Amino acid sequence: MGNIIHELQNMTYLNWSQIRNSSGTAGSFLKAYSEIGGRKMYYKISNYDSINGVTGHECVNEIIADRILDVLGIDHLSYTLVNAEILVDGKPIKTYICMSENFRNKNESKIALDAFYDMEKAKNESPLEFCIRNGWEKYIYEMLVFDFLILNRDRHGANIEVLRDTKRKTIRLAPLFDHGLSLLSLCRDEKMYSEYDVMADRPVQCFVGSHSALENLKLIPKNAFPALTPLKESDKDKIMDGLNEIIPKQLSEKIWEMIWNRWCYYENIRNKK
């Protein structure tokens, strides 16, 4: 299960660089990396702007997503949520950041799926057809189900990576990663939490599908729904464990309502097939 380090860590040594905020909201996301015992570690913080500081909870979403993926039995990058003091633009900030390890094996290089598709696609072949031809349909169908459950709005073509080892002549898709723009990431206060419709089919980015997470479920053939370990109501405790110290209880409860209601909806669709 995605781990949480609640004790404040001094991580002011990290150098943060800005990346584009693709969520359509003000602010940006900052990333950093370090070498620890020969291992490359990656870090990111939630939505940030220079006036208000950290305003989002995308890092918490990563841990929730990590734990859901564990329950469902889907291969993924594991994250640790760290209570850290960092320096951004010379200003000290105390916030929870996400930490993860490099998922590439030795000698593997990476390329974004959209770039690989552009290089290797057949004439008139869609991204989904391309993935199926390469034997990645199980991965893609699991991803579509999971992204529906958390309403992942940011599964663009660079948030799926192809890993190639030219020495061993192997090629694979990287474990699922980067799920922060999901769940209630658009909500910033109690009024927004209470009014949020957890079943609303909001616009999403999905390189292999459409702008509808619900419609993307229909891309899965009747006989190919992934064999996931079922989510249970009793899983709430381990998925949400330790988060009430970090996010408001009302937000925590609304997030679980979203996960559970969407799982039940998915199960109804799957069983009808």
C-alpha atoms as a PDB file:
ATOM      1  CA  MET A   1       0.000   0.000   0.000  1.00  0.00           C
ATOM      2  CA  GLY A   2       1.116   3.540  -0.710  1.00  0.00           C
ATOM      3  CA  ASN A   3       3.116   4.685   2.291  1.00  0.00           C
ATOM      4  CA  ILE A   4       2.851   7.938   4.261  1.00  0.00           C
ATOM      5  CA  ILE A   5       5.679   9.549   6.233  1.00  0.00           C
ATOM      6  CA  HIS A   6       3.989  11.935   8.673  1.00  0.00           C
ATOM      7  CA  GLU A   7       7.127  13.072  10.488  1.00  0.00           C
ATOM      8  CA  LEU A   8       8.423  16.306   8.949  1.00  0.00           C
ATOM      9  CA  GLN A   9      11.462  15.721   6.720  1.00  0.00           C
ATOM     10  CA  ASN A  10      14.035  18.363   5.829  1.00  0.00           C
ATOM     11  CA  MET A  11      14.155  18.235   2.020  1.00  0.00           C
ATOM     12  CA  THR A  12      15.312  21.774   1.371  1.00  0.00           C
ATOM     13  CA  TYR A  13      18.172  20.344  -0.719  1.00  0.00           C
ATOM     14  CA  LEU A  14      15.826  19.520  -3.613  1.00  0.00           C
ATOM     15  CA  ASN A  15      15.825  21.763  -6.680  1.00  0.00           C
ATOM     16  CA  TRP A  16      12.360  22.220  -8.148  1.00  0.00           C
ATOM     17  CA  SER A  17      11.574  22.848 -11.796  1.00  0.00           C
ATOM     18  CA  GLN A  18       8.238  23.974 -13.167  1.00  0.00           C
ATOM     19  CA  ILE A  19       6.136  21.933 -15.570  1.00  0.00           C
ATOM     20  CA  ARG A  20       2.973  22.878 -17.409  1.00  0.00           C
ATOM     21  CA  ASN A  21      -0.306  22.615 -15.536  1.00  0.00           C
ATOM     22  CA  SER A  22      -2.516  20.707 -17.954  1.00  0.00           C
ATOM     23  CA  SER A  23      -5.594  20.823 -15.730  1.00  0.00           C
ATOM     24  CA  GLY A  24      -6.820  24.172 -17.035  1.00  0.00           C
ATOM     25  CA  THR A  25      -6.523  25.807 -13.598  1.00  0.00           C
ATOM     26  CA  ALA A  26      -4.173  28.484 -12.340  1.00  0.00           C
ATOM     27  CA  GLY A  27      -0.848  27.368 -10.929  1.00  0.00           C
ATOM     28  CA  SER A  28       1.744  24.806 -11.883  1.00  0.00           C
ATOM     29  CA  PHE A  29       3.290  21.540 -10.791  1.00  0.00           C
ATOM     30  CA  LEU A  30       6.877  21.330  -9.593  1.00  0.00           C
ATOM     31  CA  LYS A  31       9.151  18.322  -9.917  1.00  0.00           C
ATOM     32  CA  ALA A  32      12.570  17.379  -8.555  1.00  0.00           C
ATOM     33  CA  TYR A  33      14.864  14.360  -8.389  1.00  0.00           C
ATOM     34  CA  SER A  34      17.794  13.073  -6.361  1.00  0.00           C
ATOM     35  CA  GLU A  35      20.171  10.118  -6.148  1.00  0.00           C
ATOM     36  CA  ILE A  36      19.855   8.038  -2.969  1.00  0.00           C
ATOM     37  CA  GLY A  37      22.207   5.070  -2.587  1.00  0.00           C
ATOM     38  CA  GLY A  38      22.587   4.782  -6.337  1.00  0.00           C
ATOM     39  CA  ARG A  39      18.811   4.932  -6.866  1.00  0.00           C
ATOM     40  CA  LYS A  40      17.179   7.798  -8.700  1.00  0.00           C
ATOM     41  CA  MET A  41      14.196   9.194  -6.817  1.00  0.00           C
ATOM     42  CA  TYR A  42      11.560  11.515  -8.233  1.00  0.00           C
ATOM     43  CA  TYR A  43       9.470  14.052  -6.321  1.00  0.00           C
ATOM     44  CA  LYS A  44       6.488  16.270  -7.082  1.00  0.00           C
ATOM     45  CA  ILE A  45       4.219  18.636  -5.211  1.00  0.00           C
ATOM     46  CA  SER A  46       0.543  19.458  -5.626  1.00  0.00           C
ATOM     47  CA  ASN A  47      -0.755  22.469  -7.526  1.00  0.00           C
ATOM     48  CA  TYR A  48       1.287  25.542  -6.574  1.00  0.00           C
ATOM     49  CA  ASP A  49       1.347  29.237  -7.320  1.00  0.00           C
ATOM     50  CA  SER A  50       3.731  31.894  -6.045  1.00  0.00           C
ATOM     51  CA  ILE A  51       0.987  33.881  -4.274  1.00  0.00           C
ATOM     52  CA  ASN A  52      -1.072  31.194  -2.512  1.00  0.00           C
ATOM     53  CA  GLY A  53       1.546  28.459  -2.231  1.00  0.00           C
ATOM     54  CA  VAL A  54       0.336  24.854  -2.452  1.00  0.00           C
ATOM     55  CA  THR A  55      -3.405  24.886  -3.151  1.00  0.00           C
ATOM     56  CA  GLY A  56      -4.074  21.373  -4.438  1.00  0.00           C
ATOM     57  CA  HIS A  57      -4.142  17.842  -3.072  1.00  0.00           C
ATOM     58  CA  GLU A  58      -2.918  15.966  -6.139  1.00  0.00           C
ATOM     59  CA  CYS A  59      -0.175  14.216  -4.130  1.00  0.00           C
ATOM     60  CA  VAL A  60      -2.805  12.765  -1.790  1.00  0.00           C
ATOM     61  CA  ASN A  61      -4.706  11.577  -4.856  1.00  0.00           C
ATOM     62  CA  GLU A  62      -1.571   9.713  -5.976  1.00  0.00           C
ATOM     63  CA  ILE A  63      -1.480   7.745  -2.725  1.00  0.00           C
ATOM     64  CA  ILE A  64      -5.195   6.951  -2.915  1.00  0.00           C
ATOM     65  CA  ALA A  65      -4.769   5.810  -6.517  1.00  0.00           C
ATOM     66  CA  ASP A  66      -1.725   3.741  -5.512  1.00  0.00           C
ATOM     67  CA  ARG A  67      -3.761   1.941  -2.847  1.00  0.00           C
ATOM     68  CA  ILE A  68      -6.733   1.313  -5.156  1.00  0.00           C
ATOM     69  CA  LEU A  69      -4.388  -0.182  -7.750  1.00  0.00           C
ATOM     70  CA  ASP A  70      -2.928  -2.451  -5.056  1.00  0.00           C
ATOM     71  CA  VAL A  71      -6.405  -3.700  -4.146  1.00  0.00           C
ATOM     72  CA  LEU A  72      -7.400  -4.254  -7.787  1.00  0.00           C
ATOM     73  CA  GLY A  73      -4.122  -6.028  -8.585  1.00  0.00           C
ATOM     74  CA  ILE A  74      -3.012  -3.688 -11.388  1.00  0.00           C
ATOM     75  CA  ASP A  75       0.697  -3.133 -12.025  1.00  0.00           C
ATOM     76  CA  HIS A  76       1.694   0.441 -11.164  1.00  0.00           C
ATOM     77  CA  LEU A  77       4.389   2.756  -9.919  1.00  0.00           C
ATOM     78  CA  SER A  78       4.360   2.995  -6.120  1.00  0.00           C
ATOM     79  CA  TYR A  79       4.393   6.370  -4.383  1.00  0.00           C
ATOM     80  CA  THR A  80       5.291   7.521  -0.887  1.00  0.00           C
ATOM     81  CA  LEU A  81       3.639  10.621   0.570  1.00  0.00           C
ATOM     82  CA  VAL A  82       6.175  12.618   2.576  1.00  0.00           C
ATOM     83  CA  ASN A  83       5.581  15.483   4.998  1.00  0.00           C
ATOM     84  CA  ALA A  84       8.434  17.734   3.907  1.00  0.00           C
ATOM     85  CA  GLU A  85       9.936  21.158   4.296  1.00  0.00           C
ATOM     86  CA  ILE A  86      11.122  22.315   0.886  1.00  0.00           C
ATOM     87  CA  LEU A  87      12.428  25.516  -0.696  1.00  0.00           C
ATOM     88  CA  VAL A  88      10.631  27.004  -3.694  1.00  0.00           C
ATOM     89  CA  ASP A  89      11.961  30.289  -5.098  1.00  0.00           C
ATOM     90  CA  GLY A  90      13.982  30.630  -1.897  1.00  0.00           C
ATOM     91  CA  LYS A  91      10.874  30.426   0.302  1.00  0.00           C
ATOM     92  CA  PRO A  92      10.422  27.584   2.839  1.00  0.00           C
ATOM     93  CA  ILE A  93       7.201  25.600   2.414  1.00  0.00           C
ATOM     94  CA  LYS A  94       5.854  22.767   4.529  1.00  0.00           C
ATOM     95  CA  THR A  95       3.688  20.422   2.478  1.00  0.00           C
ATOM     96  CA  TYR A  96       3.174  16.780   1.584  1.00  0.00           C
ATOM     97  CA  ILE A  97       5.111  15.719  -1.508  1.00  0.00           C
ATOM     98  CA  CYS A  98       5.104  12.518  -3.571  1.00  0.00           C
ATOM     99  CA  MET A  99       8.222  10.399  -3.863  1.00  0.00           C
ATOM    100  CA  SER A 100       8.775   7.502  -6.283  1.00  0.00           C
ATOM    101  CA  GLU A 101      11.620   5.423  -7.684  1.00  0.00           C
ATOM    102  CA  ASN A 102      12.765   5.151 -11.277  1.00  0.00           C
ATOM    103  CA  PHE A 103      10.690   2.354 -12.866  1.00  0.00           C
ATOM    104  CA  ARG A 104      13.099   1.644 -15.727  1.00  0.00           C
ATOM    105  CA  ASN A 105      15.316  -1.425 -15.693  1.00  0.00           C
ATOM    106  CA  LYS A 106      18.995  -1.165 -16.550  1.00  0.00           C
ATOM    107  CA  ASN A 107      19.533  -0.524 -20.301  1.00  0.00           C
ATOM    108  CA  GLU A 108      15.913   0.488 -20.841  1.00  0.00           C
ATOM    109  CA  SER A 109      15.140   3.740 -22.616  1.00  0.00           C
ATOM    110  CA  LYS A 110      11.759   5.431 -22.534  1.00  0.00           C
ATOM    111  CA  ILE A 111       9.587   7.144 -25.093  1.00  0.00           C
ATOM    112  CA  ALA A 112       6.088   8.579 -24.764  1.00  0.00           C
ATOM    113  CA  LEU A 113       3.402   6.354 -26.259  1.00  0.00           C
ATOM    114  CA  ASP A 114       2.136   9.125 -28.534  1.00  0.00           C
ATOM    115  CA  ALA A 115       5.628   9.618 -30.001  1.00  0.00           C
ATOM    116  CA  PHE A 116       6.133   5.858 -30.420  1.00  0.00           C
ATOM    117  CA  TYR A 117       2.721   5.583 -32.069  1.00  0.00           C
ATOM    118  CA  ASP A 118       3.590   8.337 -34.541  1.00  0.00           C
ATOM    119  CA  MET A 119       6.769   6.481 -35.518  1.00  0.00           C
ATOM    120  CA  GLU A 120       5.401   2.938 -35.728  1.00  0.00           C
ATOM    121  CA  LYS A 121       1.664   3.100 -36.545  1.00  0.00           C
ATOM    122  CA  ALA A 122       0.150   1.478 -39.606  1.00  0.00           C
ATOM    123  CA  LYS A 123      -1.879   3.534 -42.063  1.00  0.00           C
ATOM    124  CA  ASN A 124      -5.230   4.653 -40.574  1.00  0.00           C
ATOM    125  CA  GLU A 125      -4.462   2.763 -37.331  1.00  0.00           C
ATOM    126  CA  SER A 126      -5.922   4.322 -34.188  1.00  0.00           C
ATOM    127  CA  PRO A 127      -3.918   4.488 -30.940  1.00  0.00           C
ATOM    128  CA  LEU A 128      -6.146   1.762 -29.445  1.00  0.00           C
ATOM    129  CA  GLU A 129      -5.701  -0.494 -32.492  1.00  0.00           C
ATOM    130  CA  PHE A 130      -1.952   0.141 -32.337  1.00  0.00           C
ATOM    131  CA  CYS A 131      -1.811  -0.938 -28.681  1.00  0.00           C
ATOM    132  CA  ILE A 132      -3.848  -4.070 -29.380  1.00  0.00           C
ATOM    133  CA  ARG A 133      -1.534  -4.989 -32.282  1.00  0.00           C
ATOM    134  CA  ASN A 134       1.428  -4.710 -29.900  1.00  0.00           C
ATOM    135  CA  GLY A 135      -0.236  -7.035 -27.365  1.00  0.00           C
ATOM    136  CA  TRP A 136      -1.020  -4.348 -24.799  1.00  0.00           C
ATOM    137  CA  GLU A 137      -4.801  -4.739 -24.682  1.00  0.00           C
ATOM    138  CA  LYS A 138      -4.880  -6.101 -21.080  1.00  0.00           C
ATOM    139  CA  TYR A 139      -2.880  -3.084 -19.880  1.00  0.00           C
ATOM    140  CA  ILE A 140      -5.098  -0.646 -21.773  1.00  0.00           C
ATOM    141  CA  TYR A 141      -8.386  -2.180 -20.606  1.00  0.00           C
ATOM    142  CA  GLU A 142      -7.222  -2.156 -16.965  1.00  0.00           C
ATOM    143  CA  MET A 143      -6.171   1.471 -17.388  1.00  0.00           C
ATOM    144  CA  LEU A 144      -9.554   2.474 -18.849  1.00  0.00           C
ATOM    145  CA  VAL A 145     -11.411   0.874 -15.931  1.00  0.00           C
ATOM    146  CA  PHE A 146      -9.147   2.450 -13.343  1.00  0.00           C
ATOM    147  CA  ASP A 147      -9.276   5.883 -14.959  1.00  0.00           C
ATOM    148  CA  PHE A 148     -13.077   5.694 -14.877  1.00  0.00           C
ATOM    149  CA  LEU A 149     -13.038   4.847 -11.160  1.00  0.00           C
ATOM    150  CA  ILE A 150     -10.938   7.878 -10.233  1.00  0.00           C
ATOM    151  CA  LEU A 151     -12.002  10.092 -13.166  1.00  0.00           C
ATOM    152  CA  ASN A 152      -8.411  10.586 -14.264  1.00  0.00           C
ATOM    153  CA  ARG A 153      -8.428  13.703 -16.419  1.00  0.00           C
ATOM    154  CA  ASP A 154      -4.842  13.542 -17.647  1.00  0.00           C
ATOM    155  CA  ARG A 155      -4.016  10.276 -19.435  1.00  0.00           C
ATOM    156  CA  HIS A 156      -2.432  12.016 -22.384  1.00  0.00           C
ATOM    157  CA  GLY A 157       0.076  10.304 -24.658  1.00  0.00           C
ATOM    158  CA  ALA A 158       3.096  11.157 -22.513  1.00  0.00           C
ATOM    159  CA  ASN A 159       1.477   9.770 -19.353  1.00  0.00           C
ATOM    160  CA  ILE A 160       1.819   6.310 -20.868  1.00  0.00           C
ATOM    161  CA  GLU A 161       5.414   5.346 -21.599  1.00  0.00           C
ATOM    162  CA  VAL A 162       7.029   2.696 -23.765  1.00  0.00           C
ATOM    163  CA  LEU A 163      10.192   1.106 -22.325  1.00  0.00           C
ATOM    164  CA  ARG A 164      12.661  -0.425 -24.769  1.00  0.00           C
ATOM    165  CA  ASP A 165      15.748  -2.545 -24.140  1.00  0.00           C
ATOM    166  CA  THR A 166      17.607  -2.764 -27.436  1.00  0.00           C
ATOM    167  CA  LYS A 167      20.191  -5.153 -25.965  1.00  0.00           C
ATOM    168  CA  ARG A 168      17.606  -7.718 -24.886  1.00  0.00           C
ATOM    169  CA  LYS A 169      15.230  -6.727 -27.692  1.00  0.00           C
ATOM    170  CA  THR A 170      12.311  -6.236 -25.294  1.00  0.00           C
ATOM    171  CA  ILE A 171       9.547  -3.662 -25.288  1.00  0.00           C
ATOM    172  CA  ARG A 172       6.884  -3.024 -22.674  1.00  0.00           C
ATOM    173  CA  LEU A 173       4.596  -0.352 -21.296  1.00  0.00           C
ATOM    174  CA  ALA A 174       5.704   1.287 -18.055  1.00  0.00           C
ATOM    175  CA  PRO A 175       3.678   0.565 -14.902  1.00  0.00           C
ATOM    176  CA  LEU A 176       0.747   2.971 -14.582  1.00  0.00           C
ATOM    177  CA  PHE A 177       1.835   6.304 -13.138  1.00  0.00           C
ATOM    178  CA  ASP A 178       0.755   9.931 -12.675  1.00  0.00           C
ATOM    179  CA  HIS A 179      -2.853   9.894 -11.412  1.00  0.00           C
ATOM    180  CA  GLY A 180      -2.944  13.162  -9.445  1.00  0.00           C
ATOM    181  CA  LEU A 181      -5.404  15.040 -11.669  1.00  0.00           C
ATOM    182  CA  SER A 182      -8.294  12.858 -10.607  1.00  0.00           C
ATOM    183  CA  LEU A 183     -10.927  12.350  -7.907  1.00  0.00           C
ATOM    184  CA  LEU A 184     -11.857  15.793  -6.518  1.00  0.00           C
ATOM    185  CA  SER A 185      -8.730  17.628  -7.671  1.00  0.00           C
ATOM    186  CA  LEU A 186     -10.906  20.467  -9.001  1.00  0.00           C
ATOM    187  CA  CYS A 187     -12.359  21.142  -5.541  1.00  0.00           C
ATOM    188  CA  ARG A 188     -10.748  23.623  -3.181  1.00  0.00           C
ATOM    189  CA  ASP A 189     -13.269  24.212  -0.359  1.00  0.00           C
ATOM    190  CA  GLU A 190     -16.141  22.642   1.575  1.00  0.00           C
ATOM    191  CA  LYS A 191     -18.824  24.120  -0.668  1.00  0.00           C
ATOM    192  CA  MET A 192     -17.203  22.553  -3.718  1.00  0.00           C
ATOM    193  CA  TYR A 193     -16.854  19.195  -1.922  1.00  0.00           C
ATOM    194  CA  SER A 194     -20.528  19.106  -0.926  1.00  0.00           C
ATOM    195  CA  GLU A 195     -21.818  20.134  -4.360  1.00  0.00           C
ATOM    196  CA  TYR A 196     -19.572  17.848  -6.388  1.00  0.00           C
ATOM    197  CA  ASP A 197     -21.424  15.180  -8.389  1.00  0.00           C
ATOM    198  CA  VAL A 198     -19.183  12.126  -8.059  1.00  0.00           C
ATOM    199  CA  MET A 199     -20.823  10.366 -11.036  1.00  0.00           C
ATOM    200  CA  ALA A 200     -20.640  13.288 -13.467  1.00  0.00           C
ATOM    201  CA  ASP A 201     -18.856  12.370 -16.698  1.00  0.00           C
ATOM    202  CA  ARG A 202     -16.502  15.338 -16.947  1.00  0.00           C
ATOM    203  CA  PRO A 203     -14.132  15.870 -19.909  1.00  0.00           C
ATOM    204  CA  VAL A 204     -10.889  13.889 -19.709  1.00  0.00           C
ATOM    205  CA  GLN A 205      -7.753  13.440 -21.757  1.00  0.00           C
ATOM    206  CA  CYS A 206      -7.242   9.862 -22.915  1.00  0.00           C
ATOM    207  CA  PHE A 207      -4.781   9.207 -25.726  1.00  0.00           C
ATOM    208  CA  VAL A 208      -6.177   5.781 -26.576  1.00  0.00           C
ATOM    209  CA  GLY A 209      -9.835   6.714 -26.106  1.00  0.00           C
ATOM    210  CA  SER A 210     -12.221   9.642 -26.062  1.00  0.00           C
ATOM    211  CA  HIS A 211     -12.876  12.645 -23.824  1.00  0.00           C
ATOM    212  CA  SER A 212     -15.409  10.615 -21.824  1.00  0.00           C
ATOM    213  CA  ALA A 213     -14.233   8.176 -19.158  1.00  0.00           C
ATOM    214  CA  LEU A 214     -17.645   6.497 -19.275  1.00  0.00           C
ATOM    215  CA  GLU A 215     -17.609   6.085 -23.048  1.00  0.00           C
ATOM    216  CA  ASN A 216     -14.090   4.669 -22.818  1.00  0.00           C
ATOM    217  CA  LEU A 217     -15.465   1.689 -20.879  1.00  0.00           C
ATOM    218  CA  LYS A 218     -17.388   0.787 -24.026  1.00  0.00           C
ATOM    219  CA  LEU A 219     -14.088   0.270 -25.845  1.00  0.00           C
ATOM    220  CA  ILE A 220     -13.568  -2.921 -23.827  1.00  0.00           C
ATOM    221  CA  PRO A 221     -14.989  -5.980 -25.662  1.00  0.00           C
ATOM    222  CA  LYS A 222     -17.677  -7.997 -23.891  1.00  0.00           C
ATOM    223  CA  ASN A 223     -15.328 -10.918 -23.297  1.00  0.00           C
ATOM    224  CA  ALA A 224     -12.294  -8.834 -22.310  1.00  0.00           C
ATOM    225  CA  PHE A 225     -13.246  -7.054 -19.103  1.00  0.00           C
ATOM    226  CA  PRO A 226     -10.156  -7.306 -16.889  1.00  0.00           C
ATOM    227  CA  ALA A 227     -10.107  -9.886 -14.116  1.00  0.00           C
ATOM    228  CA  LEU A 228      -9.601  -7.462 -11.244  1.00  0.00           C
ATOM    229  CA  THR A 229      -9.721  -8.247  -7.554  1.00  0.00           C
ATOM    230  CA  PRO A 230     -13.108  -6.768  -6.555  1.00  0.00           C
ATOM    231  CA  LEU A 231     -13.177  -3.604  -4.506  1.00  0.00           C
ATOM    232  CA  LYS A 232     -15.109  -3.990  -1.216  1.00  0.00           C
ATOM    233  CA  GLU A 233     -16.630  -1.451   1.145  1.00  0.00           C
ATOM    234  CA  SER A 234     -14.276  -2.746   3.825  1.00  0.00           C
ATOM    235  CA  ASP A 235     -11.332  -1.581   1.678  1.00  0.00           C
ATOM    236  CA  LYS A 236     -12.157   1.995   2.633  1.00  0.00           C
ATOM    237  CA  ASP A 237     -10.124   1.836   5.847  1.00  0.00           C
ATOM    238  CA  LYS A 238      -6.867   0.815   4.177  1.00  0.00           C
ATOM    239  CA  ILE A 239      -7.325   3.072   1.144  1.00  0.00           C
ATOM    240  CA  MET A 240      -8.043   6.166   3.256  1.00  0.00           C
ATOM    241  CA  ASP A 241      -5.794   5.260   6.208  1.00  0.00           C
ATOM    242  CA  GLY A 242      -3.818   8.189   7.604  1.00  0.00           C
ATOM    243  CA  LEU A 243      -5.329  10.810   5.299  1.00  0.00           C
ATOM    244  CA  ASN A 244      -7.621  12.562   7.803  1.00  0.00           C
ATOM    245  CA  GLU A 245      -4.487  14.134   9.261  1.00  0.00           C
ATOM    246  CA  ILE A 246      -3.689  15.642   5.860  1.00  0.00           C
ATOM    247  CA  ILE A 247      -6.971  16.517   4.112  1.00  0.00           C
ATOM    248  CA  PRO A 248     -10.375  17.580   5.537  1.00  0.00           C
ATOM    249  CA  LYS A 249     -12.609  14.710   6.636  1.00  0.00           C
ATOM    250  CA  GLN A 250     -15.387  15.986   4.373  1.00  0.00           C
ATOM    251  CA  LEU A 251     -13.062  15.699   1.386  1.00  0.00           C
ATOM    252  CA  SER A 252     -11.911  12.245   2.456  1.00  0.00           C
ATOM    253  CA  GLU A 253     -15.517  11.023   2.746  1.00  0.00           C
ATOM    254  CA  LYS A 254     -16.462  12.505  -0.623  1.00  0.00           C
ATOM    255  CA  ILE A 255     -13.493  10.867  -2.320  1.00  0.00           C
ATOM    256  CA  TRP A 256     -14.494   7.468  -0.952  1.00  0.00           C
ATOM    257  CA  GLU A 257     -18.092   8.074  -2.044  1.00  0.00           C
ATOM    258  CA  MET A 258     -16.786   8.712  -5.549  1.00  0.00           C
ATOM    259  CA  ILE A 259     -14.590   5.610  -5.638  1.00  0.00           C
ATOM    260  CA  TRP A 260     -17.274   3.282  -4.265  1.00  0.00           C
ATOM    261  CA  ASN A 261     -20.156   4.620  -6.375  1.00  0.00           C
ATOM    262  CA  ARG A 262     -18.107   4.411  -9.538  1.00  0.00           C
ATOM    263  CA  TRP A 263     -16.977   0.884  -8.706  1.00  0.00           C
ATOM    264  CA  CYS A 264     -20.597  -0.211  -8.209  1.00  0.00           C
ATOM    265  CA  TYR A 265     -21.551   1.431 -11.515  1.00  0.00           C
ATOM    266  CA  TYR A 266     -18.686  -0.367 -13.289  1.00  0.00           C
ATOM    267  CA  GLU A 267     -19.681  -3.699 -11.764  1.00  0.00           C
ATOM    268  CA  ASN A 268     -23.244  -3.235 -13.039  1.00  0.00           C
ATOM    269  CA  ILE A 269     -21.924  -2.586 -16.547  1.00  0.00           C
ATOM    270  CA  ARG A 270     -19.561  -5.547 -16.423  1.00  0.00           C
ATOM    271  CA  ASN A 271     -22.217  -7.938 -15.131  1.00  0.00           C
ATOM    272  CA  LYS A 272     -24.676  -6.869 -17.830  1.00  0.00           C
ATOM    273  CA  LYS A 273     -22.149  -7.828 -20.458  1.00  0.00           C
END
